[in-house]
Amino acid sequence: MVDIIGKAKNIELLWEVLQEMAKRRLVNEKTFRIALKSLASARELKKCVDFFHLMNTHEFFYSLETLNKVVETLCGSKLVCEAKFIVLRLKQWIKPPGVTYKLLIIGFCEIGDMVEASKIWNLMVDEGFKADIEAIEKMMETFFKNNRFGEALKLFQVIDDVGLSTYRLVITWMCKREKLGQAQLLFEGMLKRGIHADNATIAALVYGFLSKRRVREAYKIVEGIEKSDISIYHGLIKGLLKLRRASEATEVFREMIRRGCEPTMHTYIMLLQGHLGKRGRKGPDPLVNFETIFVGGMIKLGKSLEATKYVERMMSGGIEVPRFDYNKFLHDFSNEEGIVMFEEVGKRLREVGLVDLADIFLRYGEKMTTRERRRRVDDS
């Protein structure tokens, strides 16, 4: 009931209901999370703080655990500024520890506000708390995403005892940005410190070598791995696709299946984008969503010629065709109808010599067949 009233934005009624619930002692942790999310969404920040005081007067005493759950919920809903307001206003009654600051730092990083994240970081340090590795890594990752390598590496240098996860993060981003030399030096330094590299870190290096067209060295690294997993195969596939070697990437796909490594949805999306490209981009016209649905409907009905003519008219009229969503395409056809469609498409593609694409669609169809069969057995 609280959730429904909150979503209706009827704050006056919501506050009355919460007061009544407090009197009748019908409050638990979930009530706190739902109520405060509703109040914070409506920017009723004073009421957010008052809610804690109200509960305390009815013997639901100030609790650090409850505060942290609320902060986690608000940050997960991108209401980080509101979470910060509550934490600082309640400081007199609930002293926030390092965990609370960590949640706020991660929350601000998630919404890309590095200024606020840095302020919380400084406040945490001033109060004598040591930075949590999860918060440090999140800040580093956000700096990397924003192409602020220098600031990310400064944080890396202040860590007392660097672990595998931090090395992996830095090496991965160095390889993404084609800083292979630095990544190799860091990797060697990690090994000298006695930290054993996992497959995800090695996969990042494999991708780094392929990005620099050092294909033989990439394959040599893979050959030296005792047991390859999905991350290694994805590193190879992604690197080969960047070099526009889609056929070779598909051969890696076949090899991973032969070795018992099951492809994920991400595997299929990468391969389809590699073979078919990322065509189109989202247009500014508000009608573009309707056009997508309309054209998709015509294709489903087998009217591909009419669909093509319509797209041509759209383009000549200045409306851009949106990017094809492979993820949505695979998801929408992950059913019995899709099983038949993928099998038929695979056969047709094989007939016209597009063997690689045919194998990708046929394999996805087989995966759906197995899943549907398993689902029917579970239902029975």
Protein backbone atom coordinates (compact mmCIF):
# COMPACT_ATOMS: atom_id res chain seq x y z
CA MET A 1 0.00 0.00 0.00
CA VAL A 2 2.82 2.42 0.90
CA ASP A 3 4.46 1.69 -2.46
CA ILE A 4 1.25 2.38 -4.42
CA ILE A 5 0.56 5.67 -2.59
CA GLY A 6 4.21 6.70 -3.06
CA LYS A 7 4.09 6.01 -6.81
CA ALA A 8 0.91 8.09 -7.01
CA LYS A 9 2.94 11.00 -5.51
CA ASN A 10 0.23 11.65 -2.93
CA ILE A 11 2.69 12.74 -0.25
CA GLU A 12 0.09 14.07 2.19
CA LEU A 13 -1.76 10.74 2.26
CA LEU A 14 1.53 8.83 2.36
CA TRP A 15 2.69 10.78 5.44
CA GLU A 16 -0.63 10.12 7.22
CA VAL A 17 -0.40 6.40 6.48
CA LEU A 18 3.21 6.24 7.71
CA GLN A 19 2.27 7.97 10.95
CA GLU A 20 -0.59 5.53 11.50
CA MET A 21 1.68 2.55 10.76
CA ALA A 22 4.23 3.85 13.28
CA LYS A 23 1.55 4.16 15.99
CA ARG A 24 0.37 0.61 15.31
CA ARG A 25 3.95 -0.68 15.14
CA LEU A 26 3.46 -2.04 11.62
CA VAL A 27 6.88 -0.96 10.41
CA ASN A 28 9.89 -3.00 9.28
CA GLU A 29 13.05 -2.43 7.26
CA LYS A 30 11.15 -2.72 3.97
CA THR A 31 8.81 0.09 5.10
CA PHE A 32 11.83 2.35 5.60
CA ARG A 33 13.20 1.60 2.14
CA ILE A 34 9.88 2.03 0.28
CA ALA A 35 8.78 5.11 2.23
CA LEU A 36 12.09 6.94 1.92
CA LYS A 37 12.43 6.12 -1.77
CA SER A 38 8.95 7.62 -2.35
CA LEU A 39 9.68 10.72 -0.27
CA ALA A 40 13.13 11.22 -1.83
CA SER A 41 11.70 10.84 -5.36
CA ALA A 42 9.26 13.63 -4.54
CA ARG A 43 12.15 15.74 -3.15
CA GLU A 44 10.52 15.78 0.30
CA LEU A 45 13.93 15.80 1.96
CA LYS A 46 12.81 17.25 5.29
CA LYS A 47 10.18 14.52 5.60
CA CYS A 48 12.88 11.91 4.85
CA VAL A 49 14.78 13.04 7.96
CA ASP A 50 11.58 13.50 9.97
CA PHE A 51 10.61 9.92 9.16
CA PHE A 52 13.62 8.63 11.13
CA HIS A 53 12.71 10.88 14.07
CA LEU A 54 9.06 9.78 13.87
CA MET A 55 10.04 6.11 13.97
CA ASN A 56 12.39 6.71 16.89
CA THR A 57 9.56 8.18 18.99
CA HIS A 58 7.59 4.96 18.38
CA GLU A 59 10.46 2.74 19.55
CA PHE A 60 11.90 2.02 16.10
CA PHE A 61 15.19 3.42 17.31
CA TYR A 62 17.90 5.06 15.19
CA SER A 63 19.74 2.23 13.49
CA LEU A 64 22.94 2.34 11.45
CA GLU A 65 21.97 -0.88 9.67
CA THR A 66 18.63 0.61 8.60
CA LEU A 67 20.30 3.83 7.46
CA ASN A 68 22.75 1.87 5.30
CA LYS A 69 19.91 -0.14 3.74
CA VAL A 70 18.09 3.10 2.93
CA VAL A 71 21.25 4.67 1.44
CA GLU A 72 21.83 1.54 -0.65
CA THR A 73 18.22 1.65 -1.94
CA LEU A 74 18.35 5.36 -2.78
CA CYS A 75 21.73 5.10 -4.51
CA GLY A 76 20.44 2.14 -6.52
CA SER A 77 17.61 4.40 -7.73
CA LYS A 78 20.06 7.22 -8.59
CA LEU A 79 18.77 9.31 -5.68
CA VAL A 80 22.31 9.83 -4.40
CA CYS A 81 22.05 13.55 -3.55
CA GLU A 82 18.97 12.76 -1.47
CA ALA A 83 20.82 9.93 0.28
CA LYS A 84 23.71 12.29 1.09
CA PHE A 85 21.28 14.86 2.54
CA ILE A 86 19.73 12.24 4.86
CA VAL A 87 23.13 10.95 6.03
CA LEU A 88 24.49 14.42 6.85
CA ARG A 89 21.28 15.59 8.56
CA LEU A 90 21.13 12.47 10.75
CA LYS A 91 24.81 12.65 11.68
CA GLN A 92 24.01 13.87 15.19
CA TRP A 93 21.95 10.74 15.90
CA ILE A 94 23.55 8.13 13.59
CA LYS A 95 27.29 8.53 13.05
CA PRO A 96 28.06 7.21 9.55
CA PRO A 97 30.97 4.76 9.31
CA GLY A 98 33.19 4.00 6.30
CA VAL A 99 30.55 1.66 4.80
CA THR A 100 28.00 4.48 4.50
CA TYR A 101 30.54 6.75 2.82
CA LYS A 102 31.50 3.91 0.48
CA LEU A 103 27.86 3.53 -0.64
CA LEU A 104 27.65 7.26 -1.34
CA ILE A 105 30.94 7.34 -3.26
CA ILE A 106 29.86 4.40 -5.44
CA GLY A 107 26.45 6.04 -5.95
CA PHE A 108 27.94 9.35 -7.13
CA CYS A 109 30.32 7.45 -9.44
CA GLU A 110 27.34 5.60 -10.94
CA ILE A 111 25.67 8.89 -11.88
CA GLY A 112 29.00 10.33 -13.09
CA ASP A 113 29.28 13.07 -10.47
CA MET A 114 32.97 12.84 -9.61
CA VAL A 115 33.00 16.23 -7.85
CA GLU A 116 30.52 15.01 -5.22
CA ALA A 117 32.24 11.61 -5.04
CA SER A 118 35.54 13.38 -4.28
CA LYS A 119 33.87 15.54 -1.61
CA ILE A 120 32.51 12.46 0.17
CA TRP A 121 35.94 10.83 -0.17
CA ASN A 122 37.61 13.82 1.51
CA LEU A 123 34.96 13.91 4.25
CA MET A 124 35.50 10.20 4.92
CA VAL A 125 39.29 10.63 5.16
CA ASP A 126 38.93 13.71 7.41
CA GLU A 127 36.84 11.62 9.81
CA GLY A 128 39.61 9.05 10.04
CA PHE A 129 38.13 6.27 7.89
CA LYS A 130 40.29 4.31 5.49
CA ALA A 131 39.10 4.14 1.90
CA ASP A 132 37.45 0.84 1.00
CA ILE A 133 38.97 -0.96 -2.00
CA GLU A 134 35.54 -1.26 -3.64
CA ALA A 135 35.09 2.53 -3.48
CA ILE A 136 38.63 3.12 -4.79
CA GLU A 137 38.10 0.77 -7.72
CA LYS A 138 34.74 2.37 -8.56
CA MET A 139 36.31 5.82 -8.62
CA MET A 140 39.18 4.55 -10.75
CA GLU A 141 36.79 2.88 -13.18
CA THR A 142 34.73 6.07 -13.52
CA PHE A 143 37.89 8.13 -14.15
CA PHE A 144 38.94 5.60 -16.82
CA LYS A 145 35.49 5.80 -18.48
CA ASN A 146 35.78 9.59 -18.57
CA ASN A 147 39.26 9.30 -20.12
CA ARG A 148 40.93 10.79 -17.02
CA PHE A 149 43.75 8.25 -16.87
CA GLY A 150 46.08 10.42 -14.79
CA GLU A 151 43.62 10.73 -11.91
CA ALA A 152 42.80 7.02 -12.01
CA LEU A 153 46.50 6.09 -11.82
CA LYS A 154 47.05 8.52 -8.91
CA LEU A 155 44.45 6.57 -6.95
CA PHE A 156 46.14 3.31 -7.97
CA GLN A 157 49.43 4.54 -6.53
CA VAL A 158 47.97 5.39 -3.10
CA ILE A 159 46.66 1.85 -2.49
CA ASP A 160 48.78 0.19 0.19
CA ASP A 161 48.32 -3.41 -0.86
CA VAL A 162 47.19 -3.76 -4.47
CA GLY A 163 45.24 -6.94 -5.12
CA LEU A 164 44.33 -8.89 -8.25
CA SER A 165 41.00 -7.09 -8.84
CA THR A 166 42.73 -3.68 -8.96
CA TYR A 167 45.48 -4.92 -11.28
CA ARG A 168 42.82 -6.45 -13.51
CA LEU A 169 40.88 -3.18 -13.65
CA VAL A 170 43.91 -1.09 -14.64
CA ILE A 171 45.28 -3.63 -17.15
CA THR A 172 41.84 -3.99 -18.77
CA TRP A 173 41.46 -0.25 -19.29
CA MET A 174 45.03 0.15 -20.52
CA CYS A 175 44.37 -2.52 -23.14
CA LYS A 176 41.04 -0.92 -24.08
CA ARG A 177 42.85 2.35 -24.73
CA GLU A 178 45.67 0.56 -26.59
CA LYS A 179 48.30 1.31 -23.95
CA LEU A 180 49.69 -2.21 -24.32
CA GLY A 181 53.27 -1.41 -23.25
CA GLN A 182 52.11 -0.01 -19.90
CA ALA A 183 49.72 -2.92 -19.43
CA GLN A 184 52.55 -5.44 -19.99
CA LEU A 185 54.81 -3.70 -17.47
CA LEU A 186 52.04 -3.68 -14.89
CA PHE A 187 51.25 -7.34 -15.58
CA GLU A 188 54.91 -8.32 -15.09
CA GLY A 189 55.05 -6.30 -11.87
CA MET A 190 51.96 -8.12 -10.62
CA LEU A 191 53.53 -11.53 -11.30
CA LYS A 192 56.77 -10.49 -9.54
CA ARG A 193 54.73 -9.68 -6.45
CA GLY A 194 53.46 -13.27 -6.46
CA ILE A 195 49.92 -12.44 -7.58
CA HIS A 196 48.63 -15.14 -9.93
CA ALA A 197 46.78 -13.78 -12.96
CA ASP A 198 43.23 -15.00 -13.54
CA ASN A 199 41.68 -15.62 -16.96
CA ALA A 200 39.86 -12.27 -17.02
CA THR A 201 43.18 -10.39 -16.68
CA ILE A 202 44.85 -12.55 -19.34
CA ALA A 203 41.82 -12.02 -21.62
CA ALA A 204 42.36 -8.25 -21.36
CA LEU A 205 45.98 -8.71 -22.51
CA VAL A 206 44.86 -10.96 -25.36
CA TYR A 207 42.51 -8.22 -26.55
CA GLY A 208 45.33 -5.66 -26.12
CA PHE A 209 47.69 -7.63 -28.37
CA LEU A 210 44.98 -8.11 -31.01
CA SER A 211 44.18 -4.37 -30.93
CA LYS A 212 47.82 -3.75 -31.87
CA ARG A 213 47.58 -6.41 -34.64
CA ARG A 214 49.99 -8.69 -32.78
CA VAL A 215 47.85 -11.73 -33.55
CA ARG A 216 50.52 -14.43 -33.15
CA GLU A 217 51.45 -13.21 -29.68
CA ALA A 218 47.78 -13.16 -28.67
CA TYR A 219 47.31 -16.77 -29.79
CA LYS A 220 50.53 -17.77 -28.05
CA ILE A 221 49.18 -16.42 -24.74
CA VAL A 222 45.93 -18.37 -25.23
CA GLU A 223 47.82 -21.58 -26.00
CA GLY A 224 49.67 -21.25 -22.68
CA ILE A 225 46.45 -21.18 -20.67
CA GLU A 226 45.68 -24.46 -18.95
CA LYS A 227 41.90 -24.07 -19.00
CA SER A 228 40.30 -21.35 -21.13
CA ASP A 229 36.95 -19.95 -20.05
CA ILE A 230 34.37 -17.59 -21.56
CA SER A 231 36.44 -14.47 -20.78
CA ILE A 232 39.40 -15.76 -22.84
CA TYR A 233 37.19 -16.62 -25.82
CA HIS A 234 35.43 -13.25 -25.58
CA GLY A 235 38.81 -11.48 -25.54
CA LEU A 236 39.80 -13.32 -28.72
CA ILE A 237 36.47 -12.76 -30.46
CA LYS A 238 36.32 -9.07 -29.57
CA GLY A 239 39.91 -8.48 -30.70
CA LEU A 240 39.46 -10.33 -34.00
CA LEU A 241 36.24 -8.45 -34.73
CA LYS A 242 38.07 -5.17 -34.16
CA LEU A 243 40.51 -6.30 -36.87
CA ARG A 244 37.49 -7.06 -39.09
CA ARG A 245 38.29 -10.77 -39.07
CA ALA A 246 34.73 -11.94 -38.47
CA SER A 247 35.27 -15.35 -40.06
CA GLU A 248 38.21 -16.09 -37.75
CA ALA A 249 36.16 -14.89 -34.75
CA THR A 250 33.41 -17.33 -35.76
CA GLU A 251 35.98 -20.14 -35.84
CA VAL A 252 36.89 -19.24 -32.23
CA PHE A 253 33.14 -19.45 -31.48
CA ARG A 254 33.03 -22.97 -32.92
CA GLU A 255 36.14 -23.98 -30.98
CA MET A 256 34.73 -22.78 -27.65
CA ILE A 257 31.61 -24.89 -28.25
CA ARG A 258 33.74 -27.94 -29.14
CA ARG A 259 35.60 -27.48 -25.84
CA GLY A 260 32.38 -27.37 -23.85
CA CYS A 261 32.29 -23.63 -23.17
CA GLU A 262 28.69 -22.44 -23.64
CA PRO A 263 28.31 -19.07 -25.45
CA THR A 264 26.32 -16.33 -23.70
CA MET A 265 23.95 -13.77 -25.19
CA HIS A 266 26.90 -11.35 -25.31
CA THR A 267 28.81 -13.82 -27.52
CA TYR A 268 26.02 -13.92 -30.10
CA ILE A 269 25.55 -10.13 -30.06
CA MET A 270 29.29 -9.52 -30.63
CA LEU A 271 29.37 -11.97 -33.56
CA LEU A 272 26.22 -10.60 -35.20
CA GLN A 273 27.55 -7.04 -34.92
CA GLY A 274 30.87 -8.24 -36.36
CA HIS A 275 29.21 -9.83 -39.38
CA LEU A 276 26.31 -7.43 -39.94
CA GLY A 277 27.67 -4.18 -38.47
CA LYS A 278 26.08 -1.60 -36.17
CA ARG A 279 23.86 -0.01 -38.75
CA GLY A 280 21.94 3.20 -38.20
CA ARG A 281 21.73 5.33 -35.12
CA LYS A 282 18.87 6.76 -33.09
CA GLY A 283 17.31 9.74 -34.80
CA PRO A 284 16.07 12.97 -33.20
CA ASP A 285 12.50 12.58 -34.48
CA PRO A 286 10.00 11.54 -31.76
CA LEU A 287 8.19 9.37 -34.33
CA VAL A 288 11.26 7.21 -34.87
CA ASN A 289 10.06 4.66 -32.31
CA PHE A 290 6.77 4.24 -34.19
CA GLU A 291 8.65 3.82 -37.47
CA THR A 292 10.76 1.03 -35.95
CA ILE A 293 7.70 -0.88 -34.76
CA PHE A 294 5.88 -0.33 -38.07
CA VAL A 295 8.77 -1.53 -40.23
CA GLY A 296 9.43 -4.48 -37.91
CA GLY A 297 5.76 -5.48 -38.18
CA MET A 298 5.85 -5.43 -41.99
CA ILE A 299 8.97 -7.61 -42.03
CA LYS A 300 7.30 -10.10 -39.67
CA LEU A 301 4.38 -10.30 -42.13
CA GLY A 302 6.82 -11.05 -44.96
CA LYS A 303 6.35 -7.65 -46.63
CA SER A 304 10.06 -6.88 -46.85
CA LEU A 305 9.75 -4.98 -50.16
CA GLU A 306 7.15 -2.58 -48.71
CA ALA A 307 9.31 -2.21 -45.58
CA THR A 308 12.35 -1.32 -47.71
CA LYS A 309 10.38 1.28 -49.68
CA TYR A 310 9.08 2.78 -46.44
CA VAL A 311 12.60 3.04 -44.97
CA GLU A 312 13.77 4.75 -48.17
CA ARG A 313 10.96 7.30 -47.82
CA MET A 314 11.87 7.84 -44.16
CA MET A 315 15.53 8.46 -45.04
CA SER A 316 14.70 10.83 -47.89
CA GLY A 317 12.38 12.66 -45.50
CA GLY A 318 15.23 13.25 -43.07
CA ILE A 319 14.35 10.70 -40.40
CA GLU A 320 17.32 8.52 -39.46
CA VAL A 321 16.86 4.77 -39.10
CA PRO A 322 17.58 3.74 -35.50
CA ARG A 323 20.42 1.34 -34.72
CA PHE A 324 19.33 -2.28 -34.92
CA ASP A 325 19.06 -3.70 -31.41
CA TYR A 326 20.57 -7.20 -31.61
CA ASN A 327 19.95 -7.77 -27.91
CA LYS A 328 16.22 -7.07 -28.28
CA PHE A 329 16.08 -9.11 -31.49
CA LEU A 330 17.53 -12.22 -29.83
CA HIS A 331 15.44 -11.72 -26.69
CA ASP A 332 12.17 -11.30 -28.63
CA PHE A 333 12.76 -14.50 -30.59
CA SER A 334 13.91 -16.61 -27.64
CA ASN A 335 10.75 -18.73 -27.88
CA GLU A 336 9.18 -21.53 -29.93
CA GLU A 337 8.50 -19.18 -32.84
CA GLY A 338 12.15 -18.12 -32.77
CA ILE A 339 13.41 -21.71 -32.82
CA VAL A 340 11.69 -22.29 -36.19
CA MET A 341 12.81 -18.89 -37.49
CA PHE A 342 16.49 -19.35 -36.56
CA GLU A 343 16.55 -22.82 -38.12
CA GLU A 344 15.00 -21.52 -41.34
CA VAL A 345 17.31 -18.46 -41.48
CA GLY A 346 20.34 -20.68 -40.81
CA LYS A 347 19.43 -23.01 -43.69
CA ARG A 348 18.84 -20.12 -46.10
CA LEU A 349 22.14 -18.46 -45.19
CA ARG A 350 24.01 -21.73 -45.68
CA GLU A 351 22.42 -22.15 -49.11
CA VAL A 352 23.76 -18.77 -50.26
CA GLY A 353 27.25 -19.45 -48.86
CA LEU A 354 27.07 -17.40 -45.63
CA VAL A 355 28.21 -20.35 -43.53
CA ASP A 356 29.55 -18.35 -40.57
CA LEU A 357 26.31 -16.45 -40.05
CA ALA A 358 24.33 -19.66 -40.60
CA ASP A 359 26.27 -21.42 -37.82
CA ILE A 360 25.64 -18.54 -35.40
CA PHE A 361 21.87 -18.54 -36.00
CA LEU A 362 21.59 -22.35 -36.01
CA ARG A 363 23.52 -22.64 -32.76
CA TYR A 364 21.33 -20.01 -31.11
CA GLY A 365 18.24 -21.90 -32.35
CA GLU A 366 19.61 -25.13 -30.86
CA LYS A 367 20.18 -23.37 -27.54
CA MET A 368 16.56 -22.16 -27.55
CA THR A 369 15.29 -25.66 -28.43
CA THR A 370 17.12 -27.15 -25.44
CA ARG A 371 15.82 -24.39 -23.18
CA GLU A 372 12.21 -24.81 -24.30
CA ARG A 373 12.44 -28.62 -23.86
CA ARG A 374 13.84 -28.15 -20.35
CA ARG A 375 11.09 -25.65 -19.52
CA ARG A 376 8.36 -28.09 -20.65
CA VAL A 377 9.87 -30.85 -18.49
CA ASP A 378 9.94 -28.50 -15.48
CA ASP A 379 6.33 -27.46 -16.05
CA SER A 380 5.17 -31.07 -16.24
